[in-house]
Protein backbone atom coordinates (compact mmCIF):
# COMPACT_ATOMS: atom_id res chain seq x y z
CA MET A 1 3.07 57.82 -40.72
CA THR A 2 5.81 60.34 -40.70
CA GLY A 3 9.33 60.66 -42.12
CA GLN A 4 12.43 62.86 -42.02
CA ARG A 5 12.43 65.74 -44.50
CA LEU A 6 15.30 67.00 -46.56
CA ASN A 7 14.68 70.50 -45.19
CA GLU A 8 16.77 69.44 -42.22
CA PHE A 9 19.84 69.74 -44.42
CA PRO A 10 21.37 72.97 -45.83
CA LEU A 11 21.02 73.38 -49.61
CA GLY A 12 24.61 72.46 -50.48
CA ALA A 13 24.56 69.35 -48.30
CA LYS A 14 21.14 68.45 -49.66
CA THR A 15 22.34 68.54 -53.25
CA MET A 16 25.41 66.46 -52.43
CA LEU A 17 23.35 63.95 -50.43
CA VAL A 18 20.92 63.49 -53.28
CA ALA A 19 23.74 63.00 -55.81
CA ILE A 20 25.47 60.41 -53.61
CA GLY A 21 22.23 58.69 -52.75
CA LEU A 22 21.25 58.35 -56.39
CA ALA A 23 24.66 56.94 -57.23
CA MET A 24 24.46 54.33 -54.50
CA LEU A 25 20.83 53.34 -54.07
CA ALA A 26 21.73 49.90 -55.24
CA GLY A 27 24.90 49.72 -53.20
CA CYS A 28 26.94 48.80 -56.28
CA ALA A 29 30.61 49.74 -56.03
CA THR A 30 31.53 48.39 -59.44
CA ARG A 31 29.85 47.89 -62.78
CA PRO A 32 30.85 44.38 -63.97
CA SER A 33 30.36 43.55 -67.65
CA PRO A 34 28.36 40.51 -68.80
CA ASP A 35 31.68 38.69 -69.15
CA VAL A 36 31.45 37.70 -65.45
CA LEU A 37 28.54 35.41 -66.42
CA ASN A 38 30.87 33.21 -68.51
CA PRO A 39 31.57 29.91 -66.68
CA VAL A 40 35.17 29.39 -65.61
CA HIS A 41 36.85 26.05 -65.87
CA MET A 42 38.19 25.19 -62.39
CA PRO A 43 41.29 23.09 -61.72
CA VAL A 44 40.39 19.42 -61.21
CA GLN A 45 41.44 19.47 -57.54
CA LEU A 46 39.39 22.56 -56.73
CA ASN A 47 36.38 21.35 -58.68
CA ALA A 48 36.42 18.09 -56.72
CA SER A 49 36.62 19.99 -53.45
CA LEU A 50 33.63 22.09 -54.41
CA GLN A 51 31.61 18.88 -54.84
CA SER A 52 32.52 17.54 -51.36
CA ASP A 53 30.20 17.85 -48.38
CA GLU A 54 32.83 19.60 -46.33
CA ALA A 55 33.02 22.42 -48.91
CA ALA A 56 29.27 22.77 -49.47
CA SER A 57 29.42 26.36 -48.32
CA SER A 58 31.98 27.07 -51.13
CA ARG A 59 29.44 26.36 -53.83
CA VAL A 60 25.96 27.84 -54.19
CA ASN A 61 23.32 27.31 -56.85
CA VAL A 62 21.04 30.09 -58.05
CA LEU A 63 18.01 30.00 -60.33
CA ALA A 64 17.22 33.17 -62.30
CA ALA A 65 14.12 34.38 -64.18
CA THR A 66 14.26 37.63 -66.06
CA ASN A 67 12.10 39.71 -68.40
CA ARG A 68 15.14 41.60 -69.67
CA ASN A 69 15.95 41.41 -73.32
CA PRO A 70 18.87 39.00 -74.05
CA ASP A 71 22.11 40.66 -75.16
CA THR A 72 23.24 37.90 -77.45
CA ALA A 73 26.42 39.71 -78.54
CA ARG A 74 27.74 39.90 -74.98
CA GLY A 75 26.11 36.87 -73.44
CA GLY A 76 24.06 38.73 -70.87
CA PHE A 77 20.86 40.73 -70.56
CA GLY A 78 20.28 44.44 -71.06
CA SER A 79 17.78 46.99 -69.87
CA ALA A 80 15.21 46.59 -72.65
CA TRP A 81 11.94 44.91 -71.83
CA ALA A 82 11.43 41.43 -73.28
CA ASP A 83 8.08 39.86 -74.24
CA ASN A 84 8.89 36.62 -72.45
CA LEU A 85 10.72 35.42 -69.39
CA THR A 86 14.14 33.73 -69.81
CA TYR A 87 15.09 31.08 -67.24
CA GLU A 88 18.62 30.20 -66.19
CA GLN A 89 20.48 28.04 -63.69
CA TYR A 90 23.91 28.96 -62.19
CA ALA A 91 26.47 27.40 -59.92
CA PHE A 92 28.94 29.68 -58.12
CA SER A 93 32.25 29.17 -56.47
CA VAL A 94 32.21 31.37 -53.34
CA PRO A 95 35.48 32.71 -51.85
CA PRO A 96 36.24 31.47 -48.36
CA ASN A 97 36.83 33.63 -45.31
CA ARG A 98 34.67 36.56 -46.50
CA LYS A 99 34.63 39.34 -43.92
CA ASP A 100 31.76 41.42 -45.27
CA THR A 101 29.13 41.58 -48.01
CA ALA A 102 31.45 43.09 -50.65
CA ILE A 103 31.51 41.11 -53.91
CA THR A 104 34.75 40.75 -55.76
CA TYR A 105 33.99 39.95 -59.42
CA PRO A 106 36.13 37.60 -61.51
CA THR A 107 38.83 39.13 -63.68
CA SER A 108 40.48 37.81 -66.81
CA ARG A 109 42.48 35.48 -64.50
CA PRO A 110 39.84 34.32 -61.94
CA ASP A 111 40.99 33.75 -58.40
CA PRO A 112 38.39 31.60 -56.48
CA GLU A 113 40.18 32.40 -53.22
CA ARG A 114 39.11 36.03 -53.54
CA GLN A 115 36.42 36.26 -56.19
CA PHE A 116 32.89 34.98 -56.75
CA VAL A 117 33.11 32.87 -59.91
CA VAL A 118 30.43 31.30 -62.16
CA ILE A 119 31.37 27.67 -62.68
CA GLN A 120 28.21 26.44 -64.43
CA ARG A 121 25.52 28.21 -66.45
CA LYS A 122 22.57 26.65 -68.24
CA GLN A 123 19.42 28.10 -69.87
CA LEU A 124 16.26 26.17 -69.06
CA PRO A 125 12.80 25.82 -70.61
CA ARG A 126 10.07 27.10 -68.33
CA ASP A 127 8.89 23.62 -67.23
CA ALA A 128 12.44 22.46 -66.45
CA PHE A 129 13.04 25.65 -64.44
CA VAL A 130 9.93 24.99 -62.33
CA GLU A 131 10.96 21.38 -61.84
CA GLU A 132 14.42 22.43 -60.73
CA ALA A 133 12.93 24.96 -58.31
CA LEU A 134 10.64 22.28 -56.87
CA ARG A 135 13.59 19.83 -56.61
CA SER A 136 15.54 22.36 -54.52
CA THR A 137 12.65 23.30 -52.27
CA GLN A 138 13.61 23.18 -48.63
CA SER A 139 12.42 20.31 -46.48
CA ASP A 140 9.54 22.37 -45.09
CA GLY A 141 8.34 23.24 -48.56
CA THR A 142 9.80 26.77 -48.62
CA VAL A 143 11.16 28.46 -51.70
CA GLY A 144 12.67 31.98 -51.79
CA ILE A 145 12.58 34.69 -54.50
CA PHE A 146 14.76 37.75 -54.35
CA VAL A 147 13.69 40.92 -56.26
CA HIS A 148 16.48 43.48 -56.63
CA GLY A 149 16.12 47.27 -56.54
CA TYR A 150 16.96 50.30 -58.63
CA ASN A 151 20.20 50.63 -60.58
CA TYR A 152 21.03 46.94 -60.85
CA SER A 153 22.33 45.14 -63.91
CA TYR A 154 21.45 41.47 -64.38
CA GLN A 155 24.93 40.30 -63.39
CA GLU A 156 25.06 42.51 -60.28
CA ALA A 157 21.72 41.18 -59.10
CA LEU A 158 22.77 37.57 -59.83
CA PHE A 159 26.04 37.83 -57.92
CA ARG A 160 24.25 39.56 -55.01
CA THR A 161 21.83 36.62 -54.90
CA ALA A 162 24.77 34.27 -54.71
CA GLN A 163 26.29 36.27 -51.85
CA ILE A 164 23.00 36.19 -49.91
CA ALA A 165 22.61 32.46 -50.56
CA ALA A 166 26.12 31.72 -49.35
CA ASP A 167 25.83 33.80 -46.20
CA ALA A 168 22.31 32.64 -45.36
CA ASN A 169 23.42 28.98 -45.70
CA ILE A 170 19.86 27.81 -46.20
CA PRO A 171 19.31 24.59 -48.20
CA GLY A 172 17.95 24.87 -51.73
CA SER A 173 18.48 27.20 -54.64
CA PRO A 174 17.23 30.77 -54.22
CA ILE A 175 15.51 32.33 -57.19
CA LEU A 176 16.41 35.72 -58.59
CA PHE A 177 13.70 37.66 -60.40
CA SER A 178 15.53 40.35 -62.36
CA TRP A 179 13.42 43.09 -63.95
CA PRO A 180 14.80 45.41 -66.64
CA SER A 181 16.49 48.10 -64.55
CA ALA A 182 18.42 50.58 -66.65
CA ALA A 183 21.42 50.06 -64.32
CA ALA A 184 22.14 53.77 -64.54
CA VAL A 185 22.18 56.53 -61.92
CA ALA A 186 19.91 58.72 -64.07
CA GLY A 187 17.44 55.90 -64.63
CA TYR A 188 15.35 56.27 -61.50
CA VAL A 189 12.08 57.17 -63.29
CA ALA A 190 12.73 54.65 -66.06
CA ASP A 191 13.33 51.99 -63.44
CA ARG A 192 10.05 52.72 -61.70
CA ASP A 193 8.23 52.29 -64.99
CA ALA A 194 10.15 49.07 -65.64
CA ALA A 195 9.19 47.76 -62.22
CA LEU A 196 5.53 48.50 -62.86
CA SER A 197 5.74 46.75 -66.20
CA SER A 198 7.07 43.63 -64.57
CA ARG A 199 4.10 42.88 -62.31
CA SER A 200 2.58 40.20 -64.58
CA ASP A 201 5.90 38.44 -65.12
CA LEU A 202 6.64 38.20 -61.37
CA ASP A 203 2.96 37.19 -60.89
CA SER A 204 3.55 34.37 -63.48
CA LEU A 205 6.65 33.11 -61.70
CA VAL A 206 5.02 33.09 -58.28
CA THR A 207 1.82 31.46 -59.61
CA SER A 208 3.84 28.73 -61.39
CA LEU A 209 5.64 27.80 -58.15
CA SER A 210 2.54 28.01 -56.01
CA ALA A 211 0.68 25.53 -58.22
CA SER A 212 2.68 22.67 -56.80
CA GLY A 213 1.45 21.04 -53.62
CA LYS A 214 5.14 20.57 -52.69
CA VAL A 215 5.48 24.32 -52.21
CA LYS A 216 4.01 25.35 -48.83
CA ARG A 217 5.57 28.81 -48.53
CA ILE A 218 7.13 31.33 -50.89
CA ILE A 219 9.33 33.91 -49.30
CA LEU A 220 9.07 36.95 -51.59
CA PHE A 221 11.95 39.27 -50.64
CA GLY A 222 12.03 42.68 -52.33
CA HIS A 223 14.77 45.25 -51.79
CA SER A 224 14.21 49.01 -52.29
CA MET A 225 12.30 49.51 -55.56
CA GLY A 226 12.01 45.74 -55.78
CA GLY A 227 9.75 46.03 -52.73
CA PHE A 228 7.46 48.27 -54.67
CA LEU A 229 7.29 45.62 -57.45
CA VAL A 230 6.55 42.95 -54.89
CA MET A 231 3.68 44.88 -53.34
CA GLU A 232 2.20 45.68 -56.76
CA THR A 233 2.41 41.97 -57.69
CA VAL A 234 0.66 40.88 -54.50
CA ARG A 235 -2.00 43.56 -55.10
CA GLN A 236 -2.53 42.18 -58.62
CA LEU A 237 -2.88 38.66 -57.26
CA LYS A 238 -5.47 39.89 -54.80
CA LEU A 239 -7.48 41.71 -57.51
CA GLN A 240 -7.37 38.38 -59.48
CA HIS A 241 -8.82 36.63 -56.42
CA ARG A 242 -5.74 34.38 -56.19
CA ASP A 243 -6.05 33.85 -52.46
CA ASP A 244 -4.64 30.33 -52.99
CA VAL A 245 -1.34 31.93 -54.05
CA ILE A 246 -1.41 34.75 -51.51
CA GLY A 247 -1.94 32.23 -48.73
CA LYS A 248 1.52 30.83 -49.39
CA LEU A 249 3.35 34.17 -49.51
CA ALA A 250 5.70 35.49 -46.82
CA VAL A 251 6.45 39.03 -48.02
CA ILE A 252 9.60 40.73 -46.75
CA LEU A 253 10.37 44.31 -47.86
CA ALA A 254 13.93 45.49 -47.12
CA ALA A 255 14.42 49.25 -47.17
CA PRO A 256 11.25 49.55 -49.30
CA ASP A 257 11.33 52.54 -51.67
CA ILE A 258 7.60 53.04 -51.49
CA ASP A 259 5.66 56.24 -50.89
CA ILE A 260 3.83 55.88 -47.59
CA ASP A 261 0.43 56.82 -49.06
CA VAL A 262 0.94 54.46 -51.95
CA PHE A 263 1.73 51.73 -49.45
CA ARG A 264 -1.43 52.46 -47.53
CA SER A 265 -3.42 52.10 -50.79
CA GLN A 266 -1.66 48.82 -51.58
CA LEU A 267 -2.46 47.49 -48.13
CA LYS A 268 -6.11 48.51 -48.50
CA ASP A 269 -6.45 46.52 -51.76
CA ILE A 270 -4.48 43.51 -50.45
CA GLY A 271 -6.15 43.25 -47.04
CA ARG A 272 -4.76 41.14 -44.26
CA MET A 273 -2.45 38.36 -45.37
CA PRO A 274 -2.22 34.97 -43.58
CA ILE A 275 1.49 35.68 -42.97
CA PRO A 276 1.95 39.31 -41.99
CA ILE A 277 4.04 41.49 -44.29
CA SER A 278 7.43 42.36 -42.79
CA LEU A 279 9.18 45.68 -43.26
CA LEU A 280 12.92 45.91 -42.61
CA VAL A 281 13.46 49.58 -41.91
CA SER A 282 16.11 52.05 -40.76
CA LYS A 283 15.47 55.70 -40.10
CA ASP A 284 19.09 56.55 -41.04
CA ASP A 285 18.82 55.20 -44.59
CA ARG A 286 20.24 58.18 -46.46
CA ALA A 287 19.67 56.65 -49.92
CA LEU A 288 15.95 56.84 -49.28
CA VAL A 289 16.37 60.50 -48.34
CA ALA A 290 17.44 61.00 -51.96
CA SER A 291 14.47 58.95 -53.19
CA SER A 292 12.15 61.08 -51.06
CA PHE A 293 13.55 64.22 -52.57
CA ILE A 294 12.95 62.96 -56.12
CA ALA A 295 9.36 62.24 -55.15
CA GLY A 296 8.74 65.75 -53.84
CA GLU A 297 10.02 65.11 -50.30
CA ARG A 298 7.38 62.45 -49.64
CA ALA A 299 8.27 59.99 -46.91
CA ARG A 300 9.37 56.42 -47.87
CA VAL A 301 8.31 53.31 -46.03
CA GLY A 302 11.90 52.14 -45.54
CA ARG A 303 12.62 55.01 -43.15
CA LEU A 304 9.81 54.42 -40.67
CA ASP A 305 10.76 55.21 -37.07
CA ILE A 306 9.54 52.47 -34.73
CA ASP A 307 10.01 54.80 -31.76
CA ASP A 308 7.10 56.85 -33.12
CA PRO A 309 3.87 55.76 -31.40
CA ILE A 310 1.98 56.49 -34.62
CA ILE A 311 4.07 53.85 -36.39
CA ARG A 312 3.55 51.35 -33.59
CA GLU A 313 -0.19 51.84 -33.75
CA ALA A 314 -0.24 51.63 -37.54
CA ALA A 315 1.77 48.38 -37.49
CA LEU A 316 -0.88 46.80 -35.23
CA LYS A 317 -3.80 48.26 -37.17
CA GLU A 318 -2.46 47.05 -40.54
CA ARG A 319 -1.16 43.77 -39.13
CA LEU A 320 2.45 44.37 -40.11
CA ARG A 321 5.86 43.47 -38.68
CA VAL A 322 8.00 46.58 -38.70
CA ILE A 323 11.54 45.53 -37.84
CA ASP A 324 14.29 48.07 -37.20
CA ILE A 325 17.58 46.69 -38.58
CA THR A 326 19.72 49.71 -37.82
CA SER A 327 22.00 47.51 -35.67
CA ILE A 328 22.98 45.45 -38.72
CA GLN A 329 26.16 46.59 -40.44
CA ALA A 330 25.86 48.45 -43.76
CA SER A 331 28.72 48.55 -46.29
CA ASP A 332 27.54 51.23 -48.69
CA GLY A 333 28.01 54.21 -46.32
CA LEU A 334 24.29 55.11 -46.67
CA GLY A 335 22.63 52.41 -44.62
CA HIS A 336 20.68 51.13 -47.63
CA ASP A 337 22.26 47.66 -48.16
CA ARG A 338 21.79 46.24 -44.64
CA TYR A 339 19.72 43.47 -46.13
CA ALA A 340 22.88 41.90 -47.57
CA SER A 341 24.49 41.71 -44.18
CA LEU A 342 21.28 40.38 -42.71
CA ALA A 343 21.67 37.24 -44.85
CA LYS A 344 23.78 35.51 -42.23
CA PHE A 345 20.69 35.60 -39.98
CA GLY A 346 18.64 34.03 -42.78
CA ALA A 347 17.51 31.00 -40.82
CA GLN A 348 16.36 33.06 -37.86
CA LEU A 349 14.57 35.56 -40.08
CA ALA A 350 12.91 32.84 -42.17
CA SER A 351 11.55 31.10 -39.06
CA PHE A 352 10.35 34.41 -37.69
CA GLU A 353 8.58 35.17 -40.98
CA SER A 354 6.80 31.82 -41.03
CA GLY A 355 5.55 32.30 -37.50
CA ARG A 356 7.65 29.43 -36.08
CA ARG A 357 9.83 31.67 -33.97
CA SER A 358 8.84 35.00 -32.48
CA SER A 359 9.79 36.20 -29.01
CA ALA A 360 7.54 39.23 -29.35
CA GLY A 361 4.23 38.11 -30.88
CA ASP A 362 2.79 38.11 -34.39
CA VAL A 363 2.61 41.71 -35.45
CA GLY A 364 3.90 45.10 -34.24
CA ALA A 365 7.26 46.87 -34.14
CA TYR A 366 10.52 45.12 -33.30
CA VAL A 367 14.24 45.63 -33.07
CA PHE A 368 16.42 43.10 -34.88
CA ASP A 369 19.52 42.91 -32.73
CA ALA A 370 23.10 42.03 -33.70
CA ALA A 371 22.65 38.56 -32.25
CA GLY A 372 19.98 37.73 -34.81
CA ALA A 373 16.82 38.02 -32.81
CA ALA A 374 13.72 40.14 -33.32
CA VAL A 375 12.87 41.36 -29.87
CA ALA A 376 10.34 43.72 -28.34
CA SER A 377 10.45 45.72 -25.16
CA PRO A 378 7.69 45.58 -22.55
CA PHE A 379 5.92 48.58 -24.08
CA ARG A 380 2.31 47.68 -24.67
CA LEU A 381 -0.33 49.22 -26.81
CA ALA A 382 -3.92 48.08 -27.14
CA GLY A 383 -3.05 44.84 -25.39
CA HIS A 384 -0.31 43.86 -27.84
CA VAL A 385 3.40 43.75 -27.33
CA VAL A 386 5.28 46.12 -29.67
CA GLY A 387 8.83 47.23 -29.97
CA SER A 388 10.59 50.16 -28.39
CA GLN A 389 14.27 50.91 -28.05
C-alpha cells in the first residue's frame, strides 16, 4: 500500500499544512465548555411539539459511555483517565432546516431554531444503560456505536453524535463511546496513549451489548484515531477468542488515522470477519498528511488511493471494502470530516455494511457517489468486481 508523502510540498507550505492539520484533525471550529451539557427548559408549546410524531426529526436521543474522569465542578468530563465507565442518556432538540454539518452550540440564551440544545440528561447505572440500549435497538436488531477521534472534548463528541443521529434519521438511540482525549492541539501523542488505554473499556461495552440475543448486529463506527481504537479493540476480542462477539460486528473506519503497516498487523491477528471491514477513505485528506508527518511520513490508511491497482488487489486479498468518499462534501477545509456529511446516507450505508444492499459485490474498492450509492466500475481483477473511477 502506498501514500502521498509530505516531500511533495515545499518546506514553508509543509510547516503550515502540519500546523493547520493538527489544529483541525477533529474538525472542531469551537471549543464549547461543559455548560452546554446542562439541560435547557423548553417553552411548553415547543416541548409539546418535540414530542409529536411530525417533529420526530427535531428530537434525537443519544446514549453515552465514557472512561473520562468526571469533572464534578463543571458538570462534564475531563481528559483524565477514569477507573470505571460512566453511562449517560441525553435528549437533544435539533434545529430545523440545517444546511450543513456545522454545530451551533447553545449560548446563555438558547435558541432552538439555530442551536443544538440538550433538553434532558440522566446518568444511568450500567444495567439500566444496557437495558435502554436494547430497548432502542432497531427492528432488525442493529445497534450503533460511534467512537470519536483526536482532539475531541466529551461535549464536542456528544453533540457530533447528535448531529449524525439527526441527519442519518435511523430509528433508535446511537451510542457514543468517548475516550479521554486531551482535547488539545498539542495532545496528539497523549491521545494515542489514551486510545490504547481504552481498549478494554470499549471491549466491555461491546461485549455487554452483544450478550443479548436481541442484538444481531453492532455497527462499530470509528473516526480518525477512533478507528485505531476500534481496530485494537477488535484485535483484543479476537485474541480473547470472542468470535461470538466479532460475528456481530460491522466495523466502519472513517478517515482512519492508522499506520498502514500497523493496520496490516491488526488484520493478520483479527483474520477475516463475517462482515467485511469497511474503510471510508479520501486521498485528498490533508489532516492525515499532518498525521503522517508526525509519524515520520508513514502513510495512513485513510488516504488510500483506490485507483492504485495495489490497493485494489490488497482489498480483495484482505477481504475489505475500501470506499472512496471524496465526492461527499467536507466542511473543515481539509477533507477530514466527510463522515459527518455522510450521515444523511446512513440508511444506505448501513444496509451496504450488513450485506443487504451492494451493487458491486461483497469486497473490493468502491466509489460512494453523491447520490448515496456505493458503485463499482466494470474493472475486474482476479474474477472480482472492484472499483475504478
